[in-house]
Amino acid sequence: NKGRQVLRFNADNFSTQTEFALNVAADVKPRLQVQLAKDEQV
């Protein structure tokens, strides 16, 4: 509902010979990003 894309995958006995990769096109604008760590540091 907030416009975020969610990707999900599940498998049993999974293995691969290549890396997992995504190409994401994003409009990166200068904006303040805030993150709260588990030790409550901001």
All heavy atoms as atom14 arrays in JSON, in Angstrom:
{
  "sequence": "NKGRQVLRFNADNFSTQTEFALNVAADVKPRLQVQLAKDEQV",
  "atom14_mask": [
    [1, 1, 1, 1, 1, 1, 1, 1, 0, 0, 0, 0, 0, 0],
    [1, 1, 1, 1, 1, 1, 1, 1, 1, 0, 0, 0, 0, 0],
    [1, 1, 1, 1, 0, 0, 0, 0, 0, 0, 0, 0, 0, 0],
    [1, 1, 1, 1, 1, 1, 1, 1, 1, 1, 1, 0, 0, 0],
    [1, 1, 1, 1, 1, 1, 1, 1, 1, 0, 0, 0, 0, 0],
    [1, 1, 1, 1, 1, 1, 1, 0, 0, 0, 0, 0, 0, 0],
    [1, 1, 1, 1, 1, 1, 1, 1, 0, 0, 0, 0, 0, 0],
    [1, 1, 1, 1, 1, 1, 1, 1, 1, 1, 1, 0, 0, 0],
    [1, 1, 1, 1, 1, 1, 1, 1, 1, 1, 1, 0, 0, 0],
    [1, 1, 1, 1, 1, 1, 1, 1, 0, 0, 0, 0, 0, 0],
    [1, 1, 1, 1, 1, 0, 0, 0, 0, 0, 0, 0, 0, 0],
    [1, 1, 1, 1, 1, 1, 1, 1, 0, 0, 0, 0, 0, 0],
    [1, 1, 1, 1, 1, 1, 1, 1, 0, 0, 0, 0, 0, 0],
    [1, 1, 1, 1, 1, 1, 1, 1, 1, 1, 1, 0, 0, 0],
    [1, 1, 1, 1, 1, 1, 0, 0, 0, 0, 0, 0, 0, 0],
    [1, 1, 1, 1, 1, 1, 1, 0, 0, 0, 0, 0, 0, 0],
    [1, 1, 1, 1, 1, 1, 1, 1, 1, 0, 0, 0, 0, 0],
    [1, 1, 1, 1, 1, 1, 1, 0, 0, 0, 0, 0, 0, 0],
    [1, 1, 1, 1, 1, 1, 1, 1, 1, 0, 0, 0, 0, 0],
    [1, 1, 1, 1, 1, 1, 1, 1, 1, 1, 1, 0, 0, 0],
    [1, 1, 1, 1, 1, 0, 0, 0, 0, 0, 0, 0, 0, 0],
    [1, 1, 1, 1, 1, 1, 1, 1, 0, 0, 0, 0, 0, 0],
    [1, 1, 1, 1, 1, 1, 1, 1, 0, 0, 0, 0, 0, 0],
    [1, 1, 1, 1, 1, 1, 1, 0, 0, 0, 0, 0, 0, 0],
    [1, 1, 1, 1, 1, 0, 0, 0, 0, 0, 0, 0, 0, 0],
    [1, 1, 1, 1, 1, 0, 0, 0, 0, 0, 0, 0, 0, 0],
    [1, 1, 1, 1, 1, 1, 1, 1, 0, 0, 0, 0, 0, 0],
    [1, 1, 1, 1, 1, 1, 1, 0, 0, 0, 0, 0, 0, 0],
    [1, 1, 1, 1, 1, 1, 1, 1, 1, 0, 0, 0, 0, 0],
    [1, 1, 1, 1, 1, 1, 1, 0, 0, 0, 0, 0, 0, 0],
    [1, 1, 1, 1, 1, 1, 1, 1, 1, 1, 1, 0, 0, 0],
    [1, 1, 1, 1, 1, 1, 1, 1, 0, 0, 0, 0, 0, 0],
    [1, 1, 1, 1, 1, 1, 1, 1, 1, 0, 0, 0, 0, 0],
    [1, 1, 1, 1, 1, 1, 1, 0, 0, 0, 0, 0, 0, 0],
    [1, 1, 1, 1, 1, 1, 1, 1, 1, 0, 0, 0, 0, 0],
    [1, 1, 1, 1, 1, 1, 1, 1, 0, 0, 0, 0, 0, 0],
    [1, 1, 1, 1, 1, 0, 0, 0, 0, 0, 0, 0, 0, 0],
    [1, 1, 1, 1, 1, 1, 1, 1, 1, 0, 0, 0, 0, 0],
    [1, 1, 1, 1, 1, 1, 1, 1, 0, 0, 0, 0, 0, 0],
    [1, 1, 1, 1, 1, 1, 1, 1, 1, 0, 0, 0, 0, 0],
    [1, 1, 1, 1, 1, 1, 1, 1, 1, 0, 0, 0, 0, 0],
    [1, 1, 1, 1, 1, 1, 1, 0, 0, 0, 0, 0, 0, 0]
  ],
  "atom14_positions": [
    [[0.81, -1.22, 0.0], [0.0, 0.0, 0.0], [0.85, 1.27, 0.0], [0.39, 2.33, -0.43], [-0.92, 0.01, 1.23], [-1.96, -1.09, 1.18], [-2.34, -1.53, 0.09], [-2.42, -1.55, 2.34], [0.0, 0.0, 0.0], [0.0, 0.0, 0.0], [0.0, 0.0, 0.0], [0.0, 0.0, 0.0], [0.0, 0.0, 0.0], [0.0, 0.0, 0.0]],
    [[2.09, 1.14, 0.46], [2.99, 2.29, 0.49], [3.82, 2.41, -0.79], [4.72, 3.25, -0.86], [3.92, 2.19, 1.71], [3.16, 2.3, 3.04], [4.13, 2.28, 4.21], [3.38, 2.42, 5.53], [4.31, 2.4, 6.69], [0.0, 0.0, 0.0], [0.0, 0.0, 0.0], [0.0, 0.0, 0.0], [0.0, 0.0, 0.0], [0.0, 0.0, 0.0]],
    [[3.52, 1.57, -1.77], [4.21, 1.67, -3.05], [5.52, 0.91, -3.14], [6.24, 1.02, -4.14], [0.0, 0.0, 0.0], [0.0, 0.0, 0.0], [0.0, 0.0, 0.0], [0.0, 0.0, 0.0], [0.0, 0.0, 0.0], [0.0, 0.0, 0.0], [0.0, 0.0, 0.0], [0.0, 0.0, 0.0], [0.0, 0.0, 0.0], [0.0, 0.0, 0.0]],
    [[5.87, 0.14, -2.12], [7.11, -0.64, -2.16], [6.9, -1.94, -2.93], [5.85, -2.55, -2.86], [7.6, -0.94, -0.74], [7.95, 0.3, 0.08], [8.57, -0.12, 1.41], [8.95, 1.04, 2.2], [8.22, 1.55, 3.17], [7.05, 1.01, 3.47], [8.63, 2.61, 3.85], [0.0, 0.0, 0.0], [0.0, 0.0, 0.0], [0.0, 0.0, 0.0]],
    [[7.93, -2.37, -3.64], [7.91, -3.64, -4.34], [8.43, -4.73, -3.4], [9.47, -4.56, -2.76], [8.77, -3.59, -5.6], [8.32, -2.56, -6.63], [7.14, -3.05, -7.45], [6.79, -4.23, -7.43], [6.52, -2.14, -8.17], [0.0, 0.0, 0.0], [0.0, 0.0, 0.0], [0.0, 0.0, 0.0], [0.0, 0.0, 0.0], [0.0, 0.0, 0.0]],
    [[7.73, -5.86, -3.33], [8.15, -6.98, -2.5], [8.38, -8.19, -3.39], [7.51, -8.55, -4.2], [7.11, -7.31, -1.41], [7.54, -8.53, -0.6], [6.92, -6.11, -0.48], [0.0, 0.0, 0.0], [0.0, 0.0, 0.0], [0.0, 0.0, 0.0], [0.0, 0.0, 0.0], [0.0, 0.0, 0.0], [0.0, 0.0, 0.0], [0.0, 0.0, 0.0]],
    [[9.55, -8.83, -3.27], [9.91, -10.0, -4.05], [10.11, -11.17, -3.1], [10.85, -11.05, -2.11], [11.21, -9.76, -4.83], [11.37, -8.39, -5.51], [12.73, -8.29, -6.17], [10.27, -8.17, -6.53], [0.0, 0.0, 0.0], [0.0, 0.0, 0.0], [0.0, 0.0, 0.0], [0.0, 0.0, 0.0], [0.0, 0.0, 0.0], [0.0, 0.0, 0.0]],
    [[9.48, -12.33, -3.41], [9.59, -13.48, -2.53], [9.83, -14.75, -3.32], [9.29, -14.94, -4.42], [8.32, -13.63, -1.68], [8.27, -12.6, -0.56], [7.1, -12.77, 0.34], [7.18, -11.83, 1.46], [6.15, -11.47, 2.21], [4.96, -11.98, 1.97], [6.32, -10.62, 3.2], [0.0, 0.0, 0.0], [0.0, 0.0, 0.0], [0.0, 0.0, 0.0]],
    [[10.66, -15.61, -2.71], [11.0, -16.89, -3.34], [11.29, -17.9, -2.24], [11.96, -17.6, -1.26], [12.23, -16.73, -4.24], [12.79, -18.03, -4.76], [12.2, -18.68, -5.83], [13.91, -18.6, -4.17], [12.7, -19.88, -6.3], [14.42, -19.79, -4.64], [13.82, -20.44, -5.71], [0.0, 0.0, 0.0], [0.0, 0.0, 0.0], [0.0, 0.0, 0.0]],
    [[10.77, -19.12, -2.39], [11.02, -20.21, -1.45], [11.31, -21.49, -2.22], [10.69, -21.75, -3.27], [9.8, -20.44, -0.54], [9.53, -19.28, 0.39], [10.11, -19.19, 1.46], [8.63, -18.39, -0.02], [0.0, 0.0, 0.0], [0.0, 0.0, 0.0], [0.0, 0.0, 0.0], [0.0, 0.0, 0.0], [0.0, 0.0, 0.0], [0.0, 0.0, 0.0]],
    [[12.25, -22.28, -1.71], [12.59, -23.54, -2.38], [13.22, -24.5, -1.39], [13.86, -24.08, -0.41], [13.53, -23.3, -3.55], [0.0, 0.0, 0.0], [0.0, 0.0, 0.0], [0.0, 0.0, 0.0], [0.0, 0.0, 0.0], [0.0, 0.0, 0.0], [0.0, 0.0, 0.0], [0.0, 0.0, 0.0], [0.0, 0.0, 0.0], [0.0, 0.0, 0.0]],
    [[13.06, -25.8, -1.64], [13.72, -26.85, -0.88], [14.87, -27.41, -1.7], [14.82, -27.44, -2.93], [12.74, -27.97, -0.52], [11.66, -27.5, 0.44], [11.94, -26.57, 1.23], [10.54, -28.05, 0.39], [0.0, 0.0, 0.0], [0.0, 0.0, 0.0], [0.0, 0.0, 0.0], [0.0, 0.0, 0.0], [0.0, 0.0, 0.0], [0.0, 0.0, 0.0]],
    [[15.92, -27.87, -1.01], [17.1, -28.44, -1.67], [17.6, -27.51, -2.78], [17.78, -27.92, -3.93], [16.78, -29.83, -2.23], [16.35, -30.8, -1.15], [16.96, -30.85, -0.08], [15.27, -31.54, -1.4], [0.0, 0.0, 0.0], [0.0, 0.0, 0.0], [0.0, 0.0, 0.0], [0.0, 0.0, 0.0], [0.0, 0.0, 0.0], [0.0, 0.0, 0.0]],
    [[17.82, -26.26, -2.4], [18.18, -25.22, -3.36], [19.69, -25.04, -3.44], [20.39, -24.97, -2.43], [17.54, -23.89, -2.95], [17.95, -22.73, -3.8], [17.37, -22.53, -5.05], [18.92, -21.83, -3.37], [17.74, -21.45, -5.84], [19.3, -20.75, -4.15], [18.7, -20.57, -5.39], [0.0, 0.0, 0.0], [0.0, 0.0, 0.0], [0.0, 0.0, 0.0]],
    [[20.21, -24.98, -4.66], [21.6, -24.64, -4.91], [21.68, -24.01, -6.29], [20.78, -24.2, -7.13], [22.52, -25.86, -4.82], [22.21, -26.8, -5.83], [0.0, 0.0, 0.0], [0.0, 0.0, 0.0], [0.0, 0.0, 0.0], [0.0, 0.0, 0.0], [0.0, 0.0, 0.0], [0.0, 0.0, 0.0], [0.0, 0.0, 0.0], [0.0, 0.0, 0.0]],
    [[22.73, -23.26, -6.54], [22.88, -22.6, -7.83], [24.35, -22.43, -8.15], [25.21, -22.46, -7.25], [22.19, -21.23, -7.83], [22.39, -20.59, -9.09], [22.74, -20.35, -6.73], [0.0, 0.0, 0.0], [0.0, 0.0, 0.0], [0.0, 0.0, 0.0], [0.0, 0.0, 0.0], [0.0, 0.0, 0.0], [0.0, 0.0, 0.0], [0.0, 0.0, 0.0]],
    [[24.66, -22.26, -9.41], [26.03, -22.05, -9.85], [26.28, -20.61, -10.28], [27.35, -20.29, -10.8], [26.37, -23.01, -11.0], [26.33, -24.47, -10.59], [26.75, -25.41, -11.7], [27.06, -24.99, -12.81], [26.76, -26.7, -11.41], [0.0, 0.0, 0.0], [0.0, 0.0, 0.0], [0.0, 0.0, 0.0], [0.0, 0.0, 0.0], [0.0, 0.0, 0.0]],
    [[25.31, -19.75, -10.06], [25.46, -18.33, -10.39], [24.95, -17.49, -9.23], [24.19, -17.96, -8.39], [24.69, -17.94, -11.67], [23.29, -18.25, -11.48], [25.21, -18.69, -12.88], [0.0, 0.0, 0.0], [0.0, 0.0, 0.0], [0.0, 0.0, 0.0], [0.0, 0.0, 0.0], [0.0, 0.0, 0.0], [0.0, 0.0, 0.0], [0.0, 0.0, 0.0]],
    [[25.36, -16.24, -9.19], [24.92, -15.33, -8.14], [23.49, -14.86, -8.41], [22.99, -14.94, -9.54], [25.84, -14.12, -8.06], [25.79, -13.23, -9.29], [26.68, -12.01, -9.18], [27.51, -11.94, -8.27], [26.55, -11.11, -10.04], [0.0, 0.0, 0.0], [0.0, 0.0, 0.0], [0.0, 0.0, 0.0], [0.0, 0.0, 0.0], [0.0, 0.0, 0.0]],
    [[22.84, -14.38, -7.35], [21.53, -13.75, -7.51], [21.75, -12.27, -7.76], [22.56, -11.62, -7.09], [20.68, -13.94, -6.26], [19.4, -13.15, -6.28], [18.35, -13.55, -7.09], [19.25, -12.0, -5.53], [17.17, -12.82, -7.14], [18.09, -11.27, -5.56], [17.03, -11.69, -6.37], [0.0, 0.0, 0.0], [0.0, 0.0, 0.0], [0.0, 0.0, 0.0]],
    [[21.03, -11.73, -8.75], [21.24, -10.32, -9.09], [19.93, -9.65, -9.49], [19.02, -10.3, -10.03], [22.25, -10.2, -10.23], [0.0, 0.0, 0.0], [0.0, 0.0, 0.0], [0.0, 0.0, 0.0], [0.0, 0.0, 0.0], [0.0, 0.0, 0.0], [0.0, 0.0, 0.0], [0.0, 0.0, 0.0], [0.0, 0.0, 0.0], [0.0, 0.0, 0.0]],
    [[19.87, -8.36, -9.2], [18.76, -7.5, -9.62], [19.34, -6.21, -10.17], [20.36, -5.72, -9.69], [17.86, -7.14, -8.44], [16.92, -8.18, -7.84], [16.21, -7.58, -6.64], [15.92, -8.67, -8.87], [0.0, 0.0, 0.0], [0.0, 0.0, 0.0], [0.0, 0.0, 0.0], [0.0, 0.0, 0.0], [0.0, 0.0, 0.0], [0.0, 0.0, 0.0]],
    [[18.67, -5.65, -11.17], [18.98, -4.31, -11.65], [17.81, -3.41, -11.27], [16.68, -3.65, -11.71], [19.2, -4.3, -13.16], [20.47, -5.02, -13.56], [21.41, -5.13, -12.78], [20.52, -5.53, -14.77], [0.0, 0.0, 0.0], [0.0, 0.0, 0.0], [0.0, 0.0, 0.0], [0.0, 0.0, 0.0], [0.0, 0.0, 0.0], [0.0, 0.0, 0.0]],
    [[18.09, -2.41, -10.46], [17.04, -1.54, -9.96], [17.23, -0.12, -10.49], [18.29, 0.49, -10.27], [17.04, -1.51, -8.41], [15.96, -0.58, -7.89], [16.85, -2.92, -7.86], [0.0, 0.0, 0.0], [0.0, 0.0, 0.0], [0.0, 0.0, 0.0], [0.0, 0.0, 0.0], [0.0, 0.0, 0.0], [0.0, 0.0, 0.0], [0.0, 0.0, 0.0]],
    [[16.23, 0.36, -11.2], [16.25, 1.75, -11.65], [15.53, 2.58, -10.59], [14.4, 2.29, -10.21], [15.55, 1.88, -13.0], [0.0, 0.0, 0.0], [0.0, 0.0, 0.0], [0.0, 0.0, 0.0], [0.0, 0.0, 0.0], [0.0, 0.0, 0.0], [0.0, 0.0, 0.0], [0.0, 0.0, 0.0], [0.0, 0.0, 0.0], [0.0, 0.0, 0.0]],
    [[16.22, 3.58, -10.08], [15.65, 4.39, -9.0], [15.99, 5.85, -9.22], [17.06, 6.19, -9.7], [16.19, 3.92, -7.66], [0.0, 0.0, 0.0], [0.0, 0.0, 0.0], [0.0, 0.0, 0.0], [0.0, 0.0, 0.0], [0.0, 0.0, 0.0], [0.0, 0.0, 0.0], [0.0, 0.0, 0.0], [0.0, 0.0, 0.0], [0.0, 0.0, 0.0]],
    [[15.05, 6.67, -8.86], [15.26, 8.11, -8.93], [15.8, 8.56, -7.59], [15.06, 8.87, -6.65], [13.92, 8.82, -9.24], [14.11, 10.33, -9.42], [15.27, 10.75, -9.58], [13.11, 11.05, -9.41], [0.0, 0.0, 0.0], [0.0, 0.0, 0.0], [0.0, 0.0, 0.0], [0.0, 0.0, 0.0], [0.0, 0.0, 0.0], [0.0, 0.0, 0.0]],
    [[17.13, 8.55, -7.46], [17.77, 8.87, -6.18], [17.91, 10.38, -6.05], [18.69, 11.01, -6.74], [19.15, 8.19, -6.08], [19.8, 8.55, -4.75], [19.02, 6.69, -6.22], [0.0, 0.0, 0.0], [0.0, 0.0, 0.0], [0.0, 0.0, 0.0], [0.0, 0.0, 0.0], [0.0, 0.0, 0.0], [0.0, 0.0, 0.0], [0.0, 0.0, 0.0]],
    [[17.12, 10.95, -5.17], [17.16, 12.39, -4.93], [17.82, 12.66, -3.58], [17.74, 11.84, -2.66], [15.73, 12.96, -4.93], [15.0, 12.77, -6.25], [13.59, 13.31, -6.16], [12.84, 13.14, -7.48], [11.45, 13.63, -7.39], [0.0, 0.0, 0.0], [0.0, 0.0, 0.0], [0.0, 0.0, 0.0], [0.0, 0.0, 0.0], [0.0, 0.0, 0.0]],
    [[18.48, 13.82, -3.46], [19.06, 14.17, -2.15], [17.97, 14.25, -1.09], [17.08, 15.08, -1.17], [19.7, 15.54, -2.39], [19.93, 15.59, -3.87], [18.8, 14.82, -4.48], [0.0, 0.0, 0.0], [0.0, 0.0, 0.0], [0.0, 0.0, 0.0], [0.0, 0.0, 0.0], [0.0, 0.0, 0.0], [0.0, 0.0, 0.0], [0.0, 0.0, 0.0]],
    [[18.0, 13.33, -0.14], [17.03, 13.34, 0.93], [17.65, 12.71, 2.17], [18.53, 11.86, 2.08], [15.76, 12.58, 0.55], [15.99, 11.14, 0.16], [14.68, 10.46, -0.16], [14.89, 9.1, -0.62], [13.91, 8.24, -0.86], [12.67, 8.62, -0.68], [14.17, 7.01, -1.27], [0.0, 0.0, 0.0], [0.0, 0.0, 0.0], [0.0, 0.0, 0.0]],
    [[17.19, 13.14, 3.32], [17.73, 12.64, 4.57], [17.18, 11.25, 4.84], [15.98, 11.01, 4.79], [17.35, 13.59, 5.71], [17.86, 13.2, 7.1], [19.39, 13.26, 7.14], [17.26, 14.12, 8.14], [0.0, 0.0, 0.0], [0.0, 0.0, 0.0], [0.0, 0.0, 0.0], [0.0, 0.0, 0.0], [0.0, 0.0, 0.0], [0.0, 0.0, 0.0]],
    [[18.11, 10.31, 5.12], [17.72, 8.96, 5.47], [18.14, 8.7, 6.9], [19.25, 9.03, 7.32], [18.39, 7.94, 4.54], [17.9, 8.07, 3.08], [18.67, 7.16, 2.15], [19.89, 7.12, 2.19], [17.97, 6.44, 1.31], [0.0, 0.0, 0.0], [0.0, 0.0, 0.0], [0.0, 0.0, 0.0], [0.0, 0.0, 0.0], [0.0, 0.0, 0.0]],
    [[17.23, 8.11, 7.67], [17.46, 7.86, 9.09], [17.34, 6.37, 9.35], [16.42, 5.72, 8.87], [16.43, 8.63, 9.97], [16.72, 8.38, 11.45], [16.47, 10.11, 9.66], [0.0, 0.0, 0.0], [0.0, 0.0, 0.0], [0.0, 0.0, 0.0], [0.0, 0.0, 0.0], [0.0, 0.0, 0.0], [0.0, 0.0, 0.0], [0.0, 0.0, 0.0]],
    [[18.29, 5.84, 10.12], [18.26, 4.43, 10.47], [18.51, 4.26, 11.95], [19.44, 4.84, 12.5], [19.31, 3.64, 9.68], [19.34, 2.16, 10.05], [20.34, 1.39, 9.25], [20.72, 1.8, 8.16], [20.81, 0.28, 9.78], [0.0, 0.0, 0.0], [0.0, 0.0, 0.0], [0.0, 0.0, 0.0], [0.0, 0.0, 0.0], [0.0, 0.0, 0.0]],
    [[17.68, 3.44, 12.58], [17.83, 3.14, 14.0], [18.46, 1.77, 14.15], [17.91, 0.77, 13.68], [16.48, 3.18, 14.71], [16.48, 2.84, 16.21], [17.28, 3.89, 16.98], [15.05, 2.75, 16.75], [0.0, 0.0, 0.0], [0.0, 0.0, 0.0], [0.0, 0.0, 0.0], [0.0, 0.0, 0.0], [0.0, 0.0, 0.0], [0.0, 0.0, 0.0]],
    [[19.65, 1.7, 14.76], [20.34, 0.43, 14.95], [19.75, -0.29, 16.16], [19.01, 0.28, 16.96], [21.84, 0.67, 15.14], [0.0, 0.0, 0.0], [0.0, 0.0, 0.0], [0.0, 0.0, 0.0], [0.0, 0.0, 0.0], [0.0, 0.0, 0.0], [0.0, 0.0, 0.0], [0.0, 0.0, 0.0], [0.0, 0.0, 0.0], [0.0, 0.0, 0.0]],
    [[20.12, -1.6, 16.29], [19.57, -2.4, 17.38], [20.05, -1.9, 18.75], [19.4, -2.14, 19.76], [19.95, -3.87, 17.19], [19.18, -4.53, 16.04], [19.44, -6.02, 16.0], [18.6, -6.68, 14.93], [18.81, -8.15, 14.88], [0.0, 0.0, 0.0], [0.0, 0.0, 0.0], [0.0, 0.0, 0.0], [0.0, 0.0, 0.0], [0.0, 0.0, 0.0]],
    [[21.2, -1.24, 18.77], [21.7, -0.7, 20.05], [21.15, 0.69, 20.32], [21.66, 1.41, 21.17], [23.22, -0.69, 20.07], [23.8, 0.14, 18.91], [23.02, 0.73, 18.16], [25.04, 0.18, 18.78], [0.0, 0.0, 0.0], [0.0, 0.0, 0.0], [0.0, 0.0, 0.0], [0.0, 0.0, 0.0], [0.0, 0.0, 0.0], [0.0, 0.0, 0.0]],
    [[20.11, 1.09, 19.55], [19.39, 2.35, 19.7], [20.2, 3.56, 19.24], [19.78, 4.7, 19.46], [18.92, 2.54, 21.16], [17.92, 1.48, 21.6], [17.34, 1.76, 22.96], [17.79, 2.73, 23.61], [16.42, 1.03, 23.38], [0.0, 0.0, 0.0], [0.0, 0.0, 0.0], [0.0, 0.0, 0.0], [0.0, 0.0, 0.0], [0.0, 0.0, 0.0]],
    [[21.34, 3.34, 18.6], [22.03, 4.46, 17.98], [21.29, 4.86, 16.7], [20.72, 4.03, 16.01], [23.48, 4.07, 17.63], [24.37, 3.84, 18.82], [25.81, 3.69, 18.43], [26.45, 4.65, 17.99], [26.33, 2.5, 18.56], [0.0, 0.0, 0.0], [0.0, 0.0, 0.0], [0.0, 0.0, 0.0], [0.0, 0.0, 0.0], [0.0, 0.0, 0.0]],
    [[21.32, 6.15, 16.39], [20.63, 6.67, 15.22], [21.68, 7.14, 14.21], [22.6, 7.89, 14.55], [19.69, 7.84, 15.58], [19.0, 8.36, 14.33], [18.66, 7.37, 16.61], [0.0, 0.0, 0.0], [0.0, 0.0, 0.0], [0.0, 0.0, 0.0], [0.0, 0.0, 0.0], [0.0, 0.0, 0.0], [0.0, 0.0, 0.0], [0.0, 0.0, 0.0]]
  ]
}
